Amino acid sequence: MITSGTLIWLALAVAIGYFAQERGRSGIGWGIAAAFFSPLLCFIVLLILKNNRR
């Protein structure tokens, strides 16, 4: 059974994927990384990295 914590974790991973896509990066790749590692860690790394959108 999926717990509410797991659903929140996956929702945050999807949000990180969307945020990465908006910054010109791979949304699917970043979403999977956020689900596997940590959405907070991936969010911080995305903020540090340069925006690829022109």
N, C-alpha and C. Protein backbone atom coordinates (compact mmCIF):
# COMPACT_ATOMS: atom_id res chain seq x y z
N MET A 1 0.84 -1.18 0.00
CA MET A 1 0.00 0.00 0.00
C MET A 1 0.89 1.25 0.00
N ILE A 2 0.49 2.25 -0.77
CA ILE A 2 1.26 3.48 -0.86
C ILE A 2 0.83 4.43 0.25
N THR A 3 1.80 4.93 0.99
CA THR A 3 1.50 5.85 2.08
C THR A 3 1.42 7.27 1.57
N SER A 4 0.91 8.14 2.40
CA SER A 4 0.79 9.55 2.00
C SER A 4 2.18 10.18 1.83
N GLY A 5 3.15 9.74 2.62
CA GLY A 5 4.52 10.24 2.48
C GLY A 5 5.10 9.91 1.12
N THR A 6 4.83 8.71 0.64
CA THR A 6 5.31 8.30 -0.68
C THR A 6 4.66 9.14 -1.77
N LEU A 7 3.37 9.40 -1.63
CA LEU A 7 2.67 10.22 -2.63
C LEU A 7 3.21 11.64 -2.65
N ILE A 8 3.50 12.20 -1.48
CA ILE A 8 4.08 13.54 -1.41
C ILE A 8 5.46 13.56 -2.04
N TRP A 9 6.28 12.54 -1.76
CA TRP A 9 7.62 12.42 -2.33
C TRP A 9 7.55 12.39 -3.86
N LEU A 10 6.63 11.59 -4.40
CA LEU A 10 6.50 11.49 -5.85
C LEU A 10 5.94 12.77 -6.45
N ALA A 11 5.03 13.43 -5.77
CA ALA A 11 4.50 14.71 -6.26
C ALA A 11 5.60 15.76 -6.30
N LEU A 12 6.46 15.77 -5.30
CA LEU A 12 7.58 16.71 -5.30
C LEU A 12 8.56 16.39 -6.41
N ALA A 13 8.76 15.10 -6.70
CA ALA A 13 9.65 14.70 -7.79
C ALA A 13 9.10 15.18 -9.13
N VAL A 14 7.79 15.10 -9.30
CA VAL A 14 7.16 15.59 -10.53
C VAL A 14 7.33 17.11 -10.62
N ALA A 15 7.16 17.79 -9.51
CA ALA A 15 7.33 19.25 -9.49
C ALA A 15 8.77 19.63 -9.84
N ILE A 16 9.73 18.88 -9.35
CA ILE A 16 11.14 19.13 -9.69
C ILE A 16 11.36 18.92 -11.18
N GLY A 17 10.75 17.89 -11.74
CA GLY A 17 10.85 17.65 -13.18
C GLY A 17 10.30 18.81 -13.98
N TYR A 18 9.17 19.36 -13.55
CA TYR A 18 8.58 20.52 -14.22
C TYR A 18 9.49 21.74 -14.09
N PHE A 19 10.02 21.96 -12.90
CA PHE A 19 10.91 23.08 -12.66
C PHE A 19 12.17 22.97 -13.52
N ALA A 20 12.72 21.76 -13.63
CA ALA A 20 13.90 21.54 -14.46
C ALA A 20 13.58 21.83 -15.93
N GLN A 21 12.41 21.39 -16.38
CA GLN A 21 12.00 21.62 -17.76
C GLN A 21 11.90 23.12 -18.05
N GLU A 22 11.37 23.86 -17.09
CA GLU A 22 11.25 25.31 -17.25
C GLU A 22 12.61 26.01 -17.29
N ARG A 23 13.61 25.38 -16.72
CA ARG A 23 14.96 25.95 -16.72
C ARG A 23 15.81 25.41 -17.87
N GLY A 24 15.18 24.68 -18.81
CA GLY A 24 15.88 24.21 -19.99
C GLY A 24 16.66 22.93 -19.78
N ARG A 25 16.27 22.15 -18.82
CA ARG A 25 16.95 20.88 -18.53
C ARG A 25 15.97 19.72 -18.74
N SER A 26 16.47 18.50 -18.65
CA SER A 26 15.65 17.32 -18.85
C SER A 26 14.69 17.12 -17.67
N GLY A 27 13.40 17.33 -17.93
CA GLY A 27 12.42 17.17 -16.88
C GLY A 27 12.30 15.74 -16.39
N ILE A 28 12.33 14.80 -17.31
CA ILE A 28 12.21 13.38 -16.94
C ILE A 28 13.43 12.95 -16.14
N GLY A 29 14.60 13.32 -16.60
CA GLY A 29 15.83 12.93 -15.89
C GLY A 29 15.89 13.50 -14.48
N TRP A 30 15.56 14.78 -14.36
CA TRP A 30 15.59 15.42 -13.04
C TRP A 30 14.48 14.89 -12.15
N GLY A 31 13.33 14.57 -12.72
CA GLY A 31 12.24 13.99 -11.94
C GLY A 31 12.60 12.63 -11.38
N ILE A 32 13.25 11.81 -12.20
CA ILE A 32 13.69 10.49 -11.74
C ILE A 32 14.77 10.64 -10.67
N ALA A 33 15.70 11.56 -10.89
CA ALA A 33 16.75 11.80 -9.89
C ALA A 33 16.15 12.27 -8.57
N ALA A 34 15.14 13.13 -8.64
CA ALA A 34 14.50 13.63 -7.43
C ALA A 34 13.76 12.50 -6.70
N ALA A 35 13.13 11.61 -7.46
CA ALA A 35 12.42 10.48 -6.83
C ALA A 35 13.41 9.51 -6.18
N PHE A 36 14.56 9.34 -6.82
CA PHE A 36 15.54 8.38 -6.31
C PHE A 36 16.36 8.94 -5.16
N PHE A 37 16.82 10.18 -5.30
CA PHE A 37 17.67 10.78 -4.27
C PHE A 37 16.84 11.59 -3.29
N SER A 38 16.57 12.84 -3.65
CA SER A 38 15.81 13.72 -2.76
C SER A 38 15.31 14.92 -3.56
N PRO A 39 14.01 15.22 -3.49
CA PRO A 39 13.52 16.41 -4.18
C PRO A 39 14.20 17.69 -3.68
N LEU A 40 14.45 17.78 -2.41
CA LEU A 40 15.10 18.98 -1.86
C LEU A 40 16.52 19.13 -2.40
N LEU A 41 17.27 18.04 -2.44
CA LEU A 41 18.64 18.08 -2.96
C LEU A 41 18.64 18.49 -4.43
N CYS A 42 17.77 17.90 -5.21
CA CYS A 42 17.71 18.24 -6.64
C CYS A 42 17.26 19.68 -6.85
N PHE A 43 16.36 20.17 -6.02
CA PHE A 43 15.92 21.57 -6.13
C PHE A 43 17.09 22.51 -5.86
N ILE A 44 17.87 22.23 -4.85
CA ILE A 44 19.02 23.07 -4.52
C ILE A 44 20.04 23.06 -5.66
N VAL A 45 20.30 21.88 -6.22
CA VAL A 45 21.25 21.77 -7.33
C VAL A 45 20.74 22.55 -8.54
N LEU A 46 19.44 22.45 -8.82
CA LEU A 46 18.88 23.19 -9.95
C LEU A 46 18.99 24.70 -9.75
N LEU A 47 18.85 25.16 -8.52
CA LEU A 47 19.00 26.58 -8.25
C LEU A 47 20.44 27.04 -8.46
N ILE A 48 21.39 26.18 -8.16
CA ILE A 48 22.80 26.52 -8.31
C ILE A 48 23.21 26.52 -9.78
N LEU A 49 22.69 25.57 -10.55
CA LEU A 49 23.07 25.46 -11.95
C LEU A 49 22.51 26.64 -12.75
N LYS A 50 23.22 26.95 -13.83
CA LYS A 50 22.83 28.06 -14.69
C LYS A 50 21.55 27.71 -15.45
N ASN A 51 20.70 28.69 -15.65
CA ASN A 51 19.48 28.52 -16.41
C ASN A 51 19.83 28.38 -17.90
N ASN A 52 19.37 27.32 -18.55
CA ASN A 52 19.68 27.08 -19.96
C ASN A 52 18.70 27.74 -20.91
N ARG A 53 17.63 28.33 -20.40
CA ARG A 53 16.67 29.03 -21.26
C ARG A 53 17.29 30.33 -21.74
N ARG A 54 17.03 30.67 -22.95
CA ARG A 54 17.57 31.90 -23.49
C ARG A 54 16.49 32.91 -23.70
